[in-house]
Amino acid sequence: MFVGTAAGKRSAELGYYYAGRGNRFWRTLHEIGLTPRLLAPAEFQDLLALGIGLTDMSKLGSGMDHHVSADTFDPNRFEAVVRSYRPRAIAFTSKRAASVWLRTSGTRIIAYGRQPAAVSDFPDVFVLPSSSGAARSHWSIDPWQELADWVKALP
């Protein structure tokens, strides 16, 4: 299950996840081998057939992370969704999304990649660099590939 902070402006306008022109989410999923072909944002529901889900920490806010009001974040809803659907792994698509769930005041203490167990009855957790074009300076495909390699190694 990929977990974003909130829908970006373009995604909110279209109703599709990771729809911004500069967003590399869909291209990256294909490059690391989690999708058999490059999907378009409008095909986001096709991920379910591949065993991949999508959600956000805020279902009420939209825009760049720093524009999303903190009172729209709902980590309790997120945890209920995870416990209901029981994914094998959670992949936060930004440090900000992870910090909301971890209830930390900042992102500097969060490392990219697979995380130590934070909650005993929770799936494995990965934190990935944001695929947003606005976060180009922090981009690395390596943590994304670590996730894909972990998924491919599952029995």
N, C-alpha and C. Protein backbone atom coordinates (compact mmCIF):
# COMPACT_ATOMS: atom_id res chain seq x y z
N MET A 1 0.85 -1.17 0.00
CA MET A 1 0.00 0.00 0.00
C MET A 1 0.90 1.24 0.00
N PHE A 2 0.74 2.07 -1.02
CA PHE A 2 1.46 3.33 -1.09
C PHE A 2 0.64 4.40 -0.38
N VAL A 3 1.32 5.21 0.43
CA VAL A 3 0.64 6.20 1.26
C VAL A 3 1.26 7.57 1.03
N GLY A 4 0.47 8.47 0.48
CA GLY A 4 0.92 9.84 0.27
C GLY A 4 0.48 10.75 1.41
N THR A 5 0.89 11.99 1.32
CA THR A 5 0.47 12.98 2.31
C THR A 5 -0.97 13.41 2.03
N ALA A 6 -1.20 13.91 0.82
CA ALA A 6 -2.51 14.36 0.36
C ALA A 6 -2.44 14.47 -1.15
N ALA A 7 -3.58 14.54 -1.79
CA ALA A 7 -3.60 14.71 -3.24
C ALA A 7 -2.95 16.03 -3.62
N GLY A 8 -2.11 16.01 -4.63
CA GLY A 8 -1.57 17.24 -5.16
C GLY A 8 -2.67 18.01 -5.88
N LYS A 9 -2.37 19.23 -6.26
CA LYS A 9 -3.38 20.08 -6.91
C LYS A 9 -3.96 19.41 -8.15
N ARG A 10 -3.09 18.94 -9.04
CA ARG A 10 -3.55 18.31 -10.29
C ARG A 10 -4.31 17.01 -10.00
N SER A 11 -3.83 16.23 -9.05
CA SER A 11 -4.52 14.99 -8.68
C SER A 11 -5.92 15.28 -8.14
N ALA A 12 -6.04 16.31 -7.32
CA ALA A 12 -7.35 16.69 -6.78
C ALA A 12 -8.28 17.15 -7.89
N GLU A 13 -7.74 17.88 -8.86
CA GLU A 13 -8.57 18.35 -9.99
C GLU A 13 -9.10 17.18 -10.81
N LEU A 14 -8.24 16.20 -11.09
CA LEU A 14 -8.60 15.08 -11.96
C LEU A 14 -9.23 13.90 -11.23
N GLY A 15 -8.94 13.78 -9.94
CA GLY A 15 -9.42 12.62 -9.20
C GLY A 15 -8.55 11.39 -9.38
N TYR A 16 -7.29 11.56 -9.78
CA TYR A 16 -6.35 10.47 -10.00
C TYR A 16 -5.14 10.67 -9.09
N TYR A 17 -4.62 9.59 -8.55
CA TYR A 17 -3.42 9.66 -7.74
C TYR A 17 -2.19 10.00 -8.58
N TYR A 18 -1.31 10.80 -8.04
CA TYR A 18 0.00 11.12 -8.62
C TYR A 18 -0.12 11.58 -10.09
N ALA A 19 -1.02 12.54 -10.31
CA ALA A 19 -1.33 12.98 -11.67
C ALA A 19 -0.54 14.20 -12.14
N GLY A 20 0.26 14.79 -11.28
CA GLY A 20 1.03 15.97 -11.68
C GLY A 20 1.99 15.63 -12.82
N ARG A 21 2.16 16.56 -13.74
CA ARG A 21 3.00 16.31 -14.93
C ARG A 21 4.43 15.90 -14.58
N GLY A 22 4.99 16.50 -13.54
CA GLY A 22 6.37 16.19 -13.18
C GLY A 22 6.51 15.03 -12.20
N ASN A 23 5.39 14.42 -11.82
CA ASN A 23 5.46 13.35 -10.84
C ASN A 23 5.96 12.07 -11.49
N ARG A 24 6.93 11.43 -10.86
CA ARG A 24 7.54 10.23 -11.45
C ARG A 24 7.01 8.93 -10.83
N PHE A 25 5.91 8.99 -10.08
CA PHE A 25 5.37 7.81 -9.42
C PHE A 25 5.11 6.66 -10.40
N TRP A 26 4.35 6.92 -11.44
CA TRP A 26 3.95 5.85 -12.36
C TRP A 26 5.15 5.30 -13.13
N ARG A 27 6.01 6.17 -13.57
CA ARG A 27 7.21 5.75 -14.29
C ARG A 27 8.10 4.90 -13.37
N THR A 28 8.22 5.31 -12.11
CA THR A 28 9.06 4.58 -11.16
C THR A 28 8.49 3.20 -10.86
N LEU A 29 7.19 3.09 -10.66
CA LEU A 29 6.59 1.78 -10.42
C LEU A 29 6.94 0.81 -11.53
N HIS A 30 6.92 1.30 -12.76
CA HIS A 30 7.27 0.44 -13.89
C HIS A 30 8.76 0.15 -13.93
N GLU A 31 9.58 1.15 -13.72
CA GLU A 31 11.04 0.98 -13.77
C GLU A 31 11.55 -0.02 -12.73
N ILE A 32 10.94 -0.05 -11.55
CA ILE A 32 11.40 -0.97 -10.51
C ILE A 32 10.72 -2.34 -10.61
N GLY A 33 9.82 -2.48 -11.57
CA GLY A 33 9.22 -3.78 -11.84
C GLY A 33 7.97 -4.13 -11.07
N LEU A 34 7.30 -3.14 -10.48
CA LEU A 34 6.06 -3.44 -9.76
C LEU A 34 4.84 -3.41 -10.65
N THR A 35 4.96 -2.85 -11.84
CA THR A 35 3.88 -2.90 -12.83
C THR A 35 4.45 -3.46 -14.13
N PRO A 36 3.67 -4.24 -14.86
CA PRO A 36 4.17 -4.86 -16.09
C PRO A 36 4.31 -3.87 -17.26
N ARG A 37 3.66 -2.73 -17.13
CA ARG A 37 3.76 -1.69 -18.15
C ARG A 37 3.59 -0.35 -17.45
N LEU A 38 3.90 0.71 -18.16
CA LEU A 38 3.72 2.05 -17.62
C LEU A 38 2.23 2.38 -17.59
N LEU A 39 1.71 2.60 -16.41
CA LEU A 39 0.30 2.98 -16.25
C LEU A 39 0.18 4.49 -16.23
N ALA A 40 -0.96 4.97 -16.68
CA ALA A 40 -1.28 6.40 -16.61
C ALA A 40 -2.03 6.65 -15.30
N PRO A 41 -1.98 7.87 -14.77
CA PRO A 41 -2.71 8.16 -13.54
C PRO A 41 -4.19 7.75 -13.58
N ALA A 42 -4.83 7.88 -14.73
CA ALA A 42 -6.24 7.52 -14.85
C ALA A 42 -6.48 6.02 -14.65
N GLU A 43 -5.41 5.23 -14.71
CA GLU A 43 -5.51 3.78 -14.55
C GLU A 43 -5.20 3.34 -13.11
N PHE A 44 -5.25 4.26 -12.17
CA PHE A 44 -4.82 3.94 -10.80
C PHE A 44 -5.56 2.75 -10.22
N GLN A 45 -6.82 2.54 -10.59
CA GLN A 45 -7.58 1.42 -10.05
C GLN A 45 -7.05 0.07 -10.54
N ASP A 46 -6.30 0.07 -11.64
CA ASP A 46 -5.71 -1.17 -12.15
C ASP A 46 -4.65 -1.73 -11.21
N LEU A 47 -4.14 -0.89 -10.31
CA LEU A 47 -3.14 -1.37 -9.35
C LEU A 47 -3.72 -2.42 -8.41
N LEU A 48 -5.01 -2.34 -8.12
CA LEU A 48 -5.62 -3.31 -7.21
C LEU A 48 -5.46 -4.74 -7.72
N ALA A 49 -5.57 -4.93 -9.04
CA ALA A 49 -5.40 -6.27 -9.61
C ALA A 49 -3.97 -6.77 -9.44
N LEU A 50 -3.03 -5.86 -9.21
CA LEU A 50 -1.63 -6.21 -8.98
C LEU A 50 -1.32 -6.33 -7.49
N GLY A 51 -2.34 -6.17 -6.66
CA GLY A 51 -2.15 -6.27 -5.22
C GLY A 51 -1.59 -5.01 -4.60
N ILE A 52 -1.75 -3.88 -5.27
CA ILE A 52 -1.22 -2.60 -4.80
C ILE A 52 -2.37 -1.65 -4.50
N GLY A 53 -2.37 -1.07 -3.31
CA GLY A 53 -3.37 -0.09 -2.93
C GLY A 53 -2.76 1.29 -2.78
N LEU A 54 -3.60 2.29 -2.78
CA LEU A 54 -3.18 3.69 -2.64
C LEU A 54 -4.07 4.39 -1.62
N THR A 55 -3.48 5.25 -0.81
CA THR A 55 -4.25 6.09 0.10
C THR A 55 -3.39 7.30 0.47
N ASP A 56 -3.95 8.20 1.23
CA ASP A 56 -3.26 9.41 1.70
C ASP A 56 -3.52 9.60 3.18
N MET A 57 -2.63 10.31 3.84
CA MET A 57 -2.82 10.64 5.26
C MET A 57 -3.92 11.68 5.44
N SER A 58 -4.15 12.51 4.42
CA SER A 58 -5.24 13.48 4.46
C SER A 58 -6.16 13.22 3.28
N LYS A 59 -7.40 12.98 3.56
CA LYS A 59 -8.39 12.82 2.50
C LYS A 59 -9.19 14.11 2.31
N LEU A 60 -8.91 15.11 3.13
CA LEU A 60 -9.64 16.38 3.04
C LEU A 60 -8.81 17.51 2.44
N GLY A 61 -7.51 17.47 2.65
CA GLY A 61 -6.63 18.52 2.13
C GLY A 61 -6.07 18.14 0.77
N SER A 62 -5.52 19.14 0.08
CA SER A 62 -4.84 18.89 -1.19
C SER A 62 -3.82 19.99 -1.43
N GLY A 63 -2.90 19.71 -2.33
CA GLY A 63 -1.86 20.66 -2.66
C GLY A 63 -0.51 20.17 -2.18
N MET A 64 0.48 21.03 -2.26
CA MET A 64 1.82 20.67 -1.79
C MET A 64 1.76 20.43 -0.28
N ASP A 65 2.66 19.57 0.19
CA ASP A 65 2.63 19.17 1.60
C ASP A 65 2.52 20.35 2.56
N HIS A 66 3.29 21.40 2.32
CA HIS A 66 3.27 22.53 3.26
C HIS A 66 1.98 23.34 3.18
N HIS A 67 1.13 23.07 2.20
CA HIS A 67 -0.16 23.75 2.10
C HIS A 67 -1.30 22.96 2.74
N VAL A 68 -1.04 21.72 3.08
CA VAL A 68 -2.08 20.87 3.65
C VAL A 68 -2.16 21.12 5.15
N SER A 69 -3.33 21.49 5.61
CA SER A 69 -3.53 21.82 7.02
C SER A 69 -3.37 20.56 7.88
N ALA A 70 -2.61 20.69 8.94
CA ALA A 70 -2.34 19.56 9.84
C ALA A 70 -3.62 18.97 10.41
N ASP A 71 -4.66 19.77 10.57
CA ASP A 71 -5.89 19.24 11.15
C ASP A 71 -6.68 18.35 10.18
N THR A 72 -6.21 18.23 8.92
CA THR A 72 -6.87 17.32 7.98
C THR A 72 -6.21 15.94 7.98
N PHE A 73 -5.06 15.80 8.65
CA PHE A 73 -4.41 14.49 8.72
C PHE A 73 -5.19 13.58 9.66
N ASP A 74 -5.29 12.31 9.27
CA ASP A 74 -6.05 11.38 10.09
C ASP A 74 -5.31 10.05 10.20
N PRO A 75 -4.27 10.01 11.04
CA PRO A 75 -3.51 8.76 11.19
C PRO A 75 -4.35 7.61 11.76
N ASN A 76 -5.38 7.93 12.53
CA ASN A 76 -6.24 6.87 13.05
C ASN A 76 -7.03 6.20 11.93
N ARG A 77 -7.54 7.00 10.98
CA ARG A 77 -8.25 6.43 9.82
C ARG A 77 -7.29 5.55 9.03
N PHE A 78 -6.07 6.06 8.82
CA PHE A 78 -5.06 5.31 8.08
C PHE A 78 -4.80 3.95 8.75
N GLU A 79 -4.60 3.95 10.07
CA GLU A 79 -4.34 2.70 10.77
C GLU A 79 -5.52 1.74 10.66
N ALA A 80 -6.74 2.26 10.68
CA ALA A 80 -7.93 1.42 10.52
C ALA A 80 -7.97 0.81 9.12
N VAL A 81 -7.60 1.58 8.12
CA VAL A 81 -7.55 1.07 6.74
C VAL A 81 -6.52 -0.05 6.63
N VAL A 82 -5.35 0.16 7.22
CA VAL A 82 -4.30 -0.85 7.18
C VAL A 82 -4.76 -2.13 7.87
N ARG A 83 -5.37 -1.98 9.01
CA ARG A 83 -5.82 -3.18 9.75
C ARG A 83 -6.97 -3.88 9.02
N SER A 84 -7.75 -3.13 8.28
CA SER A 84 -8.85 -3.73 7.52
C SER A 84 -8.34 -4.48 6.29
N TYR A 85 -7.44 -3.86 5.52
CA TYR A 85 -6.97 -4.46 4.26
C TYR A 85 -5.75 -5.36 4.44
N ARG A 86 -5.00 -5.18 5.52
CA ARG A 86 -3.86 -6.02 5.88
C ARG A 86 -2.83 -6.17 4.74
N PRO A 87 -2.28 -5.07 4.25
CA PRO A 87 -1.24 -5.17 3.22
C PRO A 87 0.03 -5.79 3.80
N ARG A 88 0.86 -6.36 2.94
CA ARG A 88 2.13 -6.95 3.40
C ARG A 88 3.14 -5.87 3.74
N ALA A 89 3.02 -4.71 3.10
CA ALA A 89 3.94 -3.60 3.36
C ALA A 89 3.22 -2.29 3.14
N ILE A 90 3.73 -1.26 3.82
CA ILE A 90 3.27 0.11 3.64
C ILE A 90 4.47 0.89 3.12
N ALA A 91 4.24 1.68 2.09
CA ALA A 91 5.32 2.51 1.54
C ALA A 91 4.86 3.96 1.53
N PHE A 92 5.41 4.74 2.44
CA PHE A 92 5.09 6.17 2.47
C PHE A 92 5.85 6.83 1.32
N THR A 93 5.14 7.61 0.52
CA THR A 93 5.77 8.23 -0.65
C THR A 93 6.35 9.60 -0.34
N SER A 94 6.57 9.86 0.93
CA SER A 94 7.29 11.06 1.35
C SER A 94 7.59 10.93 2.84
N LYS A 95 8.63 11.63 3.26
CA LYS A 95 8.93 11.67 4.69
C LYS A 95 7.81 12.37 5.45
N ARG A 96 7.16 13.33 4.82
CA ARG A 96 6.07 14.06 5.49
C ARG A 96 4.94 13.11 5.85
N ALA A 97 4.55 12.25 4.90
CA ALA A 97 3.47 11.29 5.18
C ALA A 97 3.87 10.38 6.33
N ALA A 98 5.11 9.91 6.32
CA ALA A 98 5.60 9.05 7.41
C ALA A 98 5.59 9.79 8.73
N SER A 99 5.99 11.05 8.72
CA SER A 99 6.05 11.81 9.98
C SER A 99 4.66 12.02 10.57
N VAL A 100 3.65 12.13 9.72
CA VAL A 100 2.28 12.27 10.22
C VAL A 100 1.89 11.00 10.97
N TRP A 101 2.16 9.85 10.36
CA TRP A 101 1.81 8.59 11.01
C TRP A 101 2.62 8.36 12.28
N LEU A 102 3.91 8.67 12.22
CA LEU A 102 4.78 8.49 13.39
C LEU A 102 4.57 9.56 14.46
N ARG A 103 3.78 10.58 14.07
CA ARG A 103 3.48 11.68 14.98
C ARG A 103 4.75 12.38 15.47
N THR A 104 5.66 12.62 14.52
CA THR A 104 6.88 13.34 14.82
C THR A 104 6.73 14.78 14.34
N SER A 105 7.50 15.67 14.89
CA SER A 105 7.38 17.08 14.54
C SER A 105 8.19 17.44 13.30
N GLY A 106 9.01 16.54 12.82
CA GLY A 106 9.82 16.85 11.65
C GLY A 106 10.20 15.60 10.89
N THR A 107 10.86 15.82 9.77
CA THR A 107 11.21 14.70 8.90
C THR A 107 12.70 14.35 8.95
N ARG A 108 13.50 15.19 9.58
CA ARG A 108 14.96 14.97 9.58
C ARG A 108 15.37 13.66 10.24
N ILE A 109 14.62 13.21 11.22
CA ILE A 109 14.99 11.99 11.93
C ILE A 109 14.55 10.72 11.19
N ILE A 110 13.80 10.88 10.11
CA ILE A 110 13.30 9.73 9.36
C ILE A 110 14.26 9.41 8.22
N ALA A 111 14.65 8.16 8.14
CA ALA A 111 15.55 7.70 7.07
C ALA A 111 14.72 7.08 5.96
N TYR A 112 15.26 7.09 4.76
CA TYR A 112 14.61 6.41 3.65
C TYR A 112 14.88 4.91 3.75
N GLY A 113 14.00 4.13 3.15
CA GLY A 113 14.16 2.68 3.11
C GLY A 113 13.27 1.98 4.12
N ARG A 114 13.57 0.70 4.32
CA ARG A 114 12.80 -0.11 5.25
C ARG A 114 13.06 0.38 6.67
N GLN A 115 11.98 0.45 7.44
CA GLN A 115 12.04 1.01 8.78
C GLN A 115 12.03 -0.09 9.84
N PRO A 116 12.60 0.20 11.00
CA PRO A 116 12.46 -0.75 12.11
C PRO A 116 10.99 -0.85 12.47
N ALA A 117 10.59 -1.96 13.02
CA ALA A 117 9.18 -2.16 13.39
C ALA A 117 8.74 -1.04 14.33
N ALA A 118 7.70 -0.31 13.93
CA ALA A 118 7.19 0.79 14.74
C ALA A 118 6.00 0.34 15.58
N VAL A 119 5.20 -0.55 15.03
CA VAL A 119 4.02 -1.07 15.70
C VAL A 119 4.03 -2.57 15.49
N SER A 120 3.89 -3.34 16.55
CA SER A 120 4.09 -4.78 16.47
C SER A 120 3.10 -5.49 15.54
N ASP A 121 1.88 -5.05 15.46
CA ASP A 121 0.90 -5.74 14.62
C ASP A 121 0.71 -5.06 13.26
N PHE A 122 1.73 -4.34 12.82
CA PHE A 122 1.64 -3.59 11.56
C PHE A 122 2.53 -4.24 10.50
N PRO A 123 2.22 -4.03 9.23
CA PRO A 123 3.07 -4.56 8.17
C PRO A 123 4.44 -3.89 8.16
N ASP A 124 5.35 -4.42 7.34
CA ASP A 124 6.64 -3.77 7.15
C ASP A 124 6.41 -2.37 6.58
N VAL A 125 7.25 -1.43 6.98
CA VAL A 125 7.10 -0.03 6.59
C VAL A 125 8.34 0.43 5.84
N PHE A 126 8.12 1.09 4.72
CA PHE A 126 9.17 1.71 3.93
C PHE A 126 8.88 3.19 3.81
N VAL A 127 9.93 4.00 3.78
CA VAL A 127 9.78 5.43 3.52
C VAL A 127 10.56 5.71 2.24
N LEU A 128 9.87 6.32 1.29
CA LEU A 128 10.44 6.56 -0.03
C LEU A 128 10.58 8.06 -0.29
N PRO A 129 11.57 8.45 -1.09
CA PRO A 129 11.64 9.85 -1.49
C PRO A 129 10.40 10.21 -2.32
N SER A 130 9.91 11.40 -2.13
CA SER A 130 8.74 11.85 -2.87
C SER A 130 8.99 11.81 -4.37
N SER A 131 7.99 11.33 -5.08
CA SER A 131 8.08 11.28 -6.54
C SER A 131 7.62 12.59 -7.19
N SER A 132 7.21 13.54 -6.38
CA SER A 132 6.76 14.83 -6.89
C SER A 132 7.89 15.57 -7.60
N GLY A 133 7.55 16.23 -8.68
CA GLY A 133 8.53 17.05 -9.38
C GLY A 133 9.08 18.16 -8.50
N ALA A 134 8.31 18.60 -7.52
CA ALA A 134 8.75 19.67 -6.61
C ALA A 134 9.84 19.17 -5.65
N ALA A 135 10.01 17.86 -5.55
CA ALA A 135 10.99 17.29 -4.62
C ALA A 135 12.20 16.70 -5.36
N ARG A 136 12.46 17.17 -6.56
CA ARG A 136 13.55 16.63 -7.38
C ARG A 136 14.89 16.58 -6.65
N SER A 137 15.17 17.57 -5.82
CA SER A 137 16.47 17.64 -5.17
C SER A 137 16.67 16.51 -4.15
N HIS A 138 15.61 15.84 -3.73
CA HIS A 138 15.70 14.74 -2.76
C HIS A 138 15.50 13.38 -3.43
N TRP A 139 15.38 13.36 -4.74
CA TRP A 139 15.01 12.13 -5.43
C TRP A 139 16.14 11.10 -5.47
N SER A 140 15.76 9.87 -5.22
CA SER A 140 16.62 8.70 -5.44
C SER A 140 15.71 7.52 -5.67
N ILE A 141 16.01 6.74 -6.67
CA ILE A 141 15.21 5.55 -6.94
C ILE A 141 15.60 4.39 -6.03
N ASP A 142 16.73 4.48 -5.36
CA ASP A 142 17.26 3.36 -4.56
C ASP A 142 16.28 2.84 -3.50
N PRO A 143 15.67 3.69 -2.67
CA PRO A 143 14.71 3.15 -1.69
C PRO A 143 13.49 2.51 -2.36
N TRP A 144 13.09 3.02 -3.51
CA TRP A 144 12.00 2.43 -4.27
C TRP A 144 12.40 1.03 -4.74
N GLN A 145 13.63 0.90 -5.21
CA GLN A 145 14.11 -0.40 -5.67
C GLN A 145 14.23 -1.37 -4.50
N GLU A 146 14.65 -0.87 -3.33
CA GLU A 146 14.70 -1.72 -2.13
C GLU A 146 13.32 -2.30 -1.84
N LEU A 147 12.28 -1.48 -1.93
CA LEU A 147 10.91 -1.95 -1.73
C LEU A 147 10.56 -3.02 -2.76
N ALA A 148 10.83 -2.74 -4.03
CA ALA A 148 10.48 -3.69 -5.09
C ALA A 148 11.22 -5.02 -4.91
N ASP A 149 12.48 -4.96 -4.54
CA ASP A 149 13.24 -6.19 -4.31
C ASP A 149 12.66 -6.98 -3.15
N TRP A 150 12.24 -6.27 -2.10
CA TRP A 150 11.61 -6.93 -0.96
C TRP A 150 10.31 -7.61 -1.39
N VAL A 151 9.48 -6.91 -2.17
CA VAL A 151 8.22 -7.46 -2.65
C VAL A 151 8.48 -8.68 -3.52
N LYS A 152 9.42 -8.61 -4.41
CA LYS A 152 9.71 -9.72 -5.32
C LYS A 152 10.24 -10.95 -4.57
N ALA A 153 10.84 -10.74 -3.40
CA ALA A 153 11.38 -11.85 -2.61
C ALA A 153 10.32 -12.52 -1.72
N LEU A 154 9.11 -11.97 -1.68
CA LEU A 154 8.06 -12.56 -0.86
C LEU A 154 7.70 -13.95 -1.39
N PRO A 155 7.38 -14.85 -0.47
CA PRO A 155 6.98 -16.21 -0.92
C PRO A 155 5.67 -16.19 -1.67
